[in-house]
Protein backbone atom coordinates (compact mmCIF):
# COMPACT_ATOMS: atom_id res chain seq x y z
CA UNK A 1 61.76 15.14 -75.28
CA UNK A 2 59.12 17.85 -75.48
CA UNK A 3 58.48 20.30 -72.65
CA UNK A 4 55.52 22.66 -72.63
CA UNK A 5 55.63 25.81 -70.50
CA UNK A 6 52.26 27.50 -69.98
CA UNK A 7 53.53 31.10 -69.58
CA UNK A 8 56.54 33.38 -69.77
CA UNK A 9 58.30 32.89 -66.44
CA UNK A 10 60.62 35.28 -64.50
CA UNK A 11 63.96 35.96 -66.21
CA UNK A 12 66.29 33.78 -64.12
CA UNK A 13 64.12 30.73 -64.69
CA UNK A 14 63.62 31.66 -68.33
CA UNK A 15 67.38 31.88 -68.85
CA UNK A 16 67.84 28.44 -67.28
CA UNK A 17 65.20 27.00 -69.60
CA UNK A 18 66.91 28.52 -72.62
CA UNK A 19 70.35 27.13 -71.90
CA UNK A 20 69.39 23.48 -71.48
CA UNK A 21 69.58 21.37 -74.59
CA UNK A 22 67.94 18.20 -73.40
CA UNK A 23 64.46 18.92 -74.68
CA UNK A 24 62.37 20.62 -77.33
CA UNK A 25 60.86 23.67 -75.67
CA UNK A 26 57.39 24.93 -76.53
CA UNK A 27 56.02 27.86 -74.55
CA UNK A 28 52.99 30.10 -74.34
CA UNK A 29 54.93 33.31 -74.92
CA UNK A 30 52.81 35.77 -72.94
CA UNK A 31 52.28 37.21 -69.49
CA UNK A 32 48.57 36.52 -69.92
CA UNK A 33 47.03 33.13 -69.09
CA UNK A 34 46.86 30.52 -71.79
CA UNK A 35 43.43 29.65 -73.15
CA UNK A 36 42.02 26.22 -72.45
CA UNK A 37 42.09 25.34 -76.14
CA UNK A 38 45.75 26.33 -76.50
CA UNK A 39 46.67 24.50 -73.30
CA UNK A 40 45.16 21.26 -74.57
CA UNK A 41 46.99 21.65 -77.88
CA UNK A 42 50.26 22.66 -76.29
CA UNK A 43 50.59 19.74 -73.88
CA UNK A 44 49.98 17.09 -76.57
CA UNK A 45 52.87 14.63 -76.53
CA UNK A 46 54.75 16.51 -73.80
CA UNK A 47 57.20 14.67 -71.55
CA UNK A 48 57.18 17.57 -69.11
CA UNK A 49 54.86 20.47 -68.22
CA UNK A 50 55.82 23.60 -66.33
CA UNK A 51 52.65 25.37 -65.17
CA UNK A 52 51.38 28.14 -62.91
CA UNK A 53 48.72 28.13 -60.20
CA UNK A 54 46.26 29.69 -62.66
CA UNK A 55 46.48 26.64 -64.95
CA UNK A 56 43.94 23.91 -64.23
CA UNK A 57 45.75 20.65 -64.88
CA UNK A 58 42.93 18.12 -64.72
CA UNK A 59 42.16 14.73 -66.27
CA UNK A 60 41.34 16.32 -69.63
CA UNK A 61 44.76 17.99 -69.78
CA UNK A 62 46.52 14.82 -68.68
CA UNK A 63 44.66 12.84 -71.34
CA UNK A 64 45.63 15.45 -73.94
CA UNK A 65 49.29 15.17 -72.90
CA UNK A 66 49.23 11.41 -73.31
CA UNK A 67 51.42 8.60 -72.06
CA UNK A 68 54.73 10.42 -72.62
CA UNK A 69 54.13 12.73 -69.66
CA UNK A 70 56.71 12.05 -66.94
CA UNK A 71 56.79 15.20 -64.85
CA UNK A 72 54.75 18.28 -63.96
CA UNK A 73 56.46 21.22 -62.29
CA UNK A 74 54.27 23.97 -60.86
CA UNK A 75 55.54 27.44 -60.06
CA UNK A 76 53.59 27.53 -56.80
CA UNK A 77 53.48 26.08 -53.31
CA UNK A 78 49.78 25.23 -53.59
CA UNK A 79 48.66 22.27 -55.68
CA UNK A 80 44.88 22.70 -55.53
CA UNK A 81 44.89 23.55 -59.29
CA UNK A 82 46.23 20.08 -60.05
CA UNK A 83 44.39 16.75 -60.23
CA UNK A 84 46.78 15.22 -57.70
CA UNK A 85 45.01 11.85 -57.43
CA UNK A 86 45.00 11.45 -61.21
CA UNK A 87 48.65 12.49 -61.43
CA UNK A 88 49.56 9.91 -58.80
CA UNK A 89 47.54 7.19 -60.54
CA UNK A 90 49.47 7.78 -63.77
CA UNK A 91 52.87 7.66 -62.07
CA UNK A 92 53.72 11.25 -63.00
CA UNK A 93 56.19 13.05 -60.75
CA UNK A 94 55.23 16.45 -59.36
CA UNK A 95 57.50 19.33 -58.40
CA UNK A 96 56.46 22.46 -56.50
CA UNK A 97 58.08 25.52 -54.90
CA UNK A 98 57.64 25.58 -51.11
CA UNK A 99 59.85 27.49 -48.65
CA UNK A 100 61.15 30.07 -51.16
CA UNK A 101 57.99 32.19 -50.91
CA UNK A 102 57.53 31.84 -47.16
CA UNK A 103 59.22 35.08 -46.14
CA UNK A 104 57.63 37.22 -48.84
CA UNK A 105 54.15 35.90 -48.03
CA UNK A 106 54.68 36.40 -44.30
CA UNK A 107 55.81 39.99 -44.90
CA UNK A 108 52.68 40.67 -46.94
CA UNK A 109 50.46 39.10 -44.27
CA UNK A 110 51.87 41.50 -41.68
CA UNK A 111 51.49 44.42 -44.09
CA UNK A 112 47.87 43.46 -44.77
CA UNK A 113 47.15 43.05 -41.08
CA UNK A 114 48.55 46.51 -40.27
CA UNK A 115 46.82 48.05 -43.29
CA UNK A 116 43.41 46.81 -42.17
CA UNK A 117 43.77 47.26 -38.42
CA UNK A 118 45.10 50.83 -38.74
CA UNK A 119 42.66 51.72 -41.55
CA UNK A 120 45.36 52.93 -43.92
CA UNK A 121 43.28 52.95 -47.14
CA UNK A 122 40.58 54.99 -45.38
CA UNK A 123 43.18 57.40 -44.07
CA UNK A 124 44.69 57.86 -47.52
CA UNK A 125 41.28 58.65 -48.98
CA UNK A 126 40.42 61.10 -46.20
CA UNK A 127 43.68 62.94 -46.81
CA UNK A 128 42.97 63.04 -50.57
CA UNK A 129 39.28 63.97 -50.54
CA UNK A 130 39.28 66.70 -47.93
CA UNK A 131 38.01 64.66 -45.01
CA UNK A 132 41.14 65.58 -43.03
CA UNK A 133 39.99 68.87 -41.47
CA UNK A 134 41.54 68.83 -38.04
CA UNK A 135 42.93 66.50 -35.39
CA UNK A 136 40.20 64.68 -33.45
CA UNK A 137 40.78 62.35 -30.49
CA UNK A 138 39.00 59.29 -31.91
CA UNK A 139 39.00 60.03 -35.64
CA UNK A 140 40.50 57.23 -37.78
CA UNK A 141 41.34 55.14 -34.72
CA UNK A 142 42.10 51.48 -35.25
CA UNK A 143 43.55 48.60 -33.25
CA UNK A 144 47.16 47.84 -32.45
CA UNK A 145 49.11 44.64 -32.00
CA UNK A 146 50.60 45.57 -28.63
CA UNK A 147 49.20 43.32 -25.87
CA UNK A 148 46.90 41.56 -28.36
CA UNK A 149 46.05 37.92 -28.95
CA UNK A 150 46.80 36.66 -32.46
CA UNK A 151 45.21 33.47 -33.75
CA UNK A 152 46.88 31.65 -36.64
CA UNK A 153 44.99 29.04 -38.62
CA UNK A 154 47.74 26.77 -39.91
CA UNK A 155 51.10 26.97 -38.13
CA UNK A 156 53.11 25.65 -41.06
CA UNK A 157 56.10 27.37 -42.66
CA UNK A 158 54.18 30.54 -43.51
CA UNK A 159 52.23 30.60 -40.23
CA UNK A 160 55.46 30.36 -38.25
CA UNK A 161 57.09 33.10 -40.33
CA UNK A 162 54.10 35.36 -39.68
CA UNK A 163 54.28 34.76 -35.93
CA UNK A 164 58.02 35.39 -35.98
CA UNK A 165 57.46 38.81 -37.54
CA UNK A 166 54.54 39.73 -35.28
CA UNK A 167 56.26 38.84 -32.02
CA UNK A 168 58.38 42.05 -31.86
CA UNK A 169 55.19 44.14 -32.05
CA UNK A 170 54.44 43.14 -28.47
CA UNK A 171 51.80 40.47 -29.12
CA UNK A 172 50.79 39.12 -25.74
CA UNK A 173 49.61 35.67 -26.81
CA UNK A 174 49.60 33.44 -29.89
CA UNK A 175 46.92 30.82 -30.46
CA UNK A 176 46.93 28.35 -33.33
CA UNK A 177 44.85 25.55 -34.74
CA UNK A 178 45.30 22.90 -37.39
CA UNK A 179 45.17 19.16 -37.98
CA UNK A 180 47.35 18.48 -34.95
CA UNK A 181 49.43 20.25 -32.29
CA UNK A 182 52.93 21.32 -33.41
CA UNK A 183 54.61 21.60 -30.03
CA UNK A 184 58.17 21.97 -31.34
CA UNK A 185 57.29 24.73 -33.81
CA UNK A 186 54.94 26.48 -31.37
CA UNK A 187 57.54 26.66 -28.61
CA UNK A 188 59.35 29.58 -30.26
CA UNK A 189 56.25 31.75 -29.79
CA UNK A 190 54.77 30.04 -26.73
CA UNK A 191 51.79 29.49 -29.00
CA UNK A 192 48.85 27.52 -27.59
CA UNK A 193 47.01 24.90 -29.64
CA UNK A 194 43.24 25.41 -29.34
CA UNK A 195 40.06 24.33 -31.16
CA UNK A 196 38.96 26.58 -34.02
CA UNK A 197 36.00 27.98 -32.08
CA UNK A 198 38.21 29.01 -29.16
CA UNK A 199 40.68 30.69 -31.50
CA UNK A 200 37.84 32.67 -33.07
CA UNK A 201 36.43 33.75 -29.72
CA UNK A 202 39.70 34.79 -28.06
CA UNK A 203 41.74 36.35 -30.89
CA UNK A 204 42.03 40.07 -31.57
CA UNK A 205 43.59 39.24 -34.94
CA UNK A 206 43.01 36.08 -36.98
CA UNK A 207 45.43 35.17 -39.78
CA UNK A 208 44.64 32.27 -42.13
CA UNK A 209 47.72 30.52 -43.57
CA UNK A 210 46.55 26.91 -43.95
CA UNK A 211 46.44 24.80 -47.09
CA UNK A 212 43.19 24.35 -49.00
CA UNK A 213 41.90 20.83 -48.38
CA UNK A 214 38.42 19.29 -48.18
CA UNK A 215 38.63 19.89 -44.41
CA UNK A 216 39.49 23.58 -44.73
CA UNK A 217 37.00 24.38 -47.54
CA UNK A 218 34.89 27.31 -46.23
CA UNK A 219 36.34 26.74 -42.76
CA UNK A 220 35.80 30.43 -42.02
CA UNK A 221 32.05 30.77 -42.35
CA UNK A 222 29.05 32.35 -40.64
CA UNK A 223 29.48 30.24 -37.51
CA UNK A 224 33.18 31.19 -37.29
CA UNK A 225 32.62 34.93 -37.76
CA UNK A 226 29.80 34.97 -35.20
CA UNK A 227 32.20 33.66 -32.58
CA UNK A 228 34.83 36.35 -33.29
CA UNK A 229 35.14 39.56 -31.29
CA UNK A 230 33.39 42.60 -32.76
CA UNK A 231 36.75 44.41 -32.60
CA UNK A 232 38.65 41.61 -34.33
CA UNK A 233 40.52 41.83 -37.64
CA UNK A 234 40.52 38.91 -40.10
CA UNK A 235 43.31 38.31 -42.67
CA UNK A 236 43.54 35.55 -45.29
CA UNK A 237 46.75 34.81 -47.21
CA UNK A 238 46.08 31.12 -47.93
CA UNK A 239 43.39 30.34 -50.52
CA UNK A 240 40.10 32.09 -51.22
CA UNK A 241 38.00 28.95 -50.84
CA UNK A 242 38.95 28.64 -47.16
CA UNK A 243 36.51 31.53 -46.60
CA UNK A 244 32.80 31.75 -47.31
CA UNK A 245 32.89 35.22 -48.83
CA UNK A 246 29.15 35.85 -48.52
CA UNK A 247 29.37 35.10 -44.79
CA UNK A 248 32.41 37.39 -44.52
CA UNK A 249 30.52 40.19 -46.27
CA UNK A 250 27.64 39.84 -43.84
CA UNK A 251 30.01 39.79 -40.86
CA UNK A 252 31.68 43.02 -42.03
CA UNK A 253 28.43 44.84 -42.82
CA UNK A 254 26.69 43.70 -39.62
CA UNK A 255 29.58 44.70 -37.37
CA UNK A 256 30.31 41.13 -36.27
CA UNK A 257 34.00 41.86 -36.97
CA UNK A 258 35.74 45.17 -37.49
CA UNK A 259 37.80 44.64 -40.65
CA UNK A 260 39.23 42.10 -43.10
CA UNK A 261 42.23 41.89 -45.38
CA UNK A 262 42.34 39.40 -48.25
CA UNK A 263 45.24 38.54 -50.52
CA UNK A 264 43.28 35.62 -51.96
CA UNK A 265 39.69 35.37 -53.15
CA UNK A 266 37.30 33.03 -54.90
CA UNK A 267 37.31 33.36 -57.84
CA UNK A 268 40.55 35.04 -58.85
CA UNK A 269 40.42 37.68 -60.09
CA UNK A 270 37.43 38.75 -58.00
CA UNK A 271 34.86 40.54 -60.20
CA UNK A 272 35.09 44.30 -59.71
CA UNK A 273 31.38 44.48 -58.89
CA UNK A 274 31.73 42.04 -55.98
CA UNK A 275 30.07 43.43 -52.82
CA UNK A 276 33.29 43.10 -50.78
CA UNK A 277 34.86 45.85 -52.90
CA UNK A 278 32.18 48.27 -51.72
CA UNK A 279 33.25 48.05 -48.07
CA UNK A 280 35.63 50.53 -46.45
CA UNK A 281 36.61 47.94 -43.86
CA UNK A 282 37.74 45.31 -46.38
CA UNK A 283 41.11 45.49 -48.14
CA UNK A 284 41.53 43.18 -51.14
CA UNK A 285 44.84 42.53 -52.91
CA UNK A 286 45.39 40.63 -56.20
CA UNK A 287 47.11 37.52 -54.74
CA UNK A 288 50.53 39.16 -54.44
CA UNK A 289 51.92 37.37 -51.38
CA UNK A 290 55.01 36.12 -53.20
CA UNK A 291 55.29 39.15 -55.47
CA UNK A 292 58.84 40.28 -54.93
CA UNK A 293 61.40 40.17 -57.73
CA UNK A 294 63.73 37.99 -55.68
CA UNK A 295 61.08 35.50 -54.66
CA UNK A 296 59.52 35.08 -58.09
CA UNK A 297 62.93 34.59 -59.73
CA UNK A 298 63.89 32.01 -57.09
CA UNK A 299 60.56 30.23 -57.59
CA UNK A 300 61.10 30.08 -61.35
CA UNK A 301 64.61 28.62 -61.00
CA UNK A 302 63.36 25.99 -58.56
CA UNK A 303 60.46 25.09 -60.86
CA UNK A 304 62.83 24.63 -63.81
CA UNK A 305 65.27 22.57 -61.74
CA UNK A 306 62.39 20.36 -60.57
CA UNK A 307 61.39 19.88 -64.20
CA UNK A 308 64.93 19.03 -65.34
CA UNK A 309 65.48 16.57 -62.50
CA UNK A 310 62.18 14.86 -63.26
CA UNK A 311 63.01 14.49 -66.93
CA UNK A 312 66.40 13.00 -66.08
CA UNK A 313 64.95 10.63 -63.50
CA UNK A 314 66.93 12.32 -60.71
CA UNK A 315 65.79 13.50 -57.26
CA UNK A 316 63.96 16.83 -57.47
CA UNK A 317 65.02 19.75 -55.28
CA UNK A 318 61.36 19.98 -54.16
CA UNK A 319 59.15 17.04 -55.04
CA UNK A 320 55.54 16.89 -53.87
CA UNK A 321 55.02 13.54 -52.18
CA UNK A 322 52.05 11.86 -53.82
């Protein structure tokens, strides 16, 4: 059986790939993304594909792979880069890597929230460029979590982990919204399920941790930002397309909200001349929510084990239910 791997993966997963003898391994041996042309060539005749979230696995790729393809394993929790309906129609099994990146992403969400609310990048620059002349009562003041209301869009695994980490900061109230109330999960934080508009209007901090679906596409748009407090901070660690970035830019420049922190953008990477990069009150990271050595290694091992199980016709450790 042939397996095609679209990138060099972290060492623990790479070692696991190397020691199995059940398939012929072909791999794009680089840290850089594979070209479309090489992807289409590489998957031809493959029984299994191990891909990353930057690889668009659509109908054209599936057609190029052909009828041998039994399993796709993605080194990601999100599957919006995959043609899920087409994969289901062809009876291909799909593995993904949930749970293992929850803690790392939640940690980064808190870091991003504190970075934006306490204006850390601005402070660093002022210290470097001579703006730090003397102590002033209101200079470089930001907003703190103590006694605040935090709104979480998507109280899934990552949303809960974020709330769990924010609670010790003295957050007064948690609000959340999503497809449905999650009373059992919300009980730990005494979180209140509210409509999106109410969450926007009442939250001092808004954190987006929902999945990208047709319903959440550009969920955070002009109407949403207009309802937010002028002192509010907005953080997105889900997917870039959940936010209308032009509307966010306008909200930040017009003072509709005070600051934003983004670990995800649309597109990725965001062009360096994008207007959001020009704003002092917007912090943008290069989609590094799961970027710890431990997490990425664990993700790679899980992705390989999903692939192996799929090829053998066994239950996957983490199979995406199609």
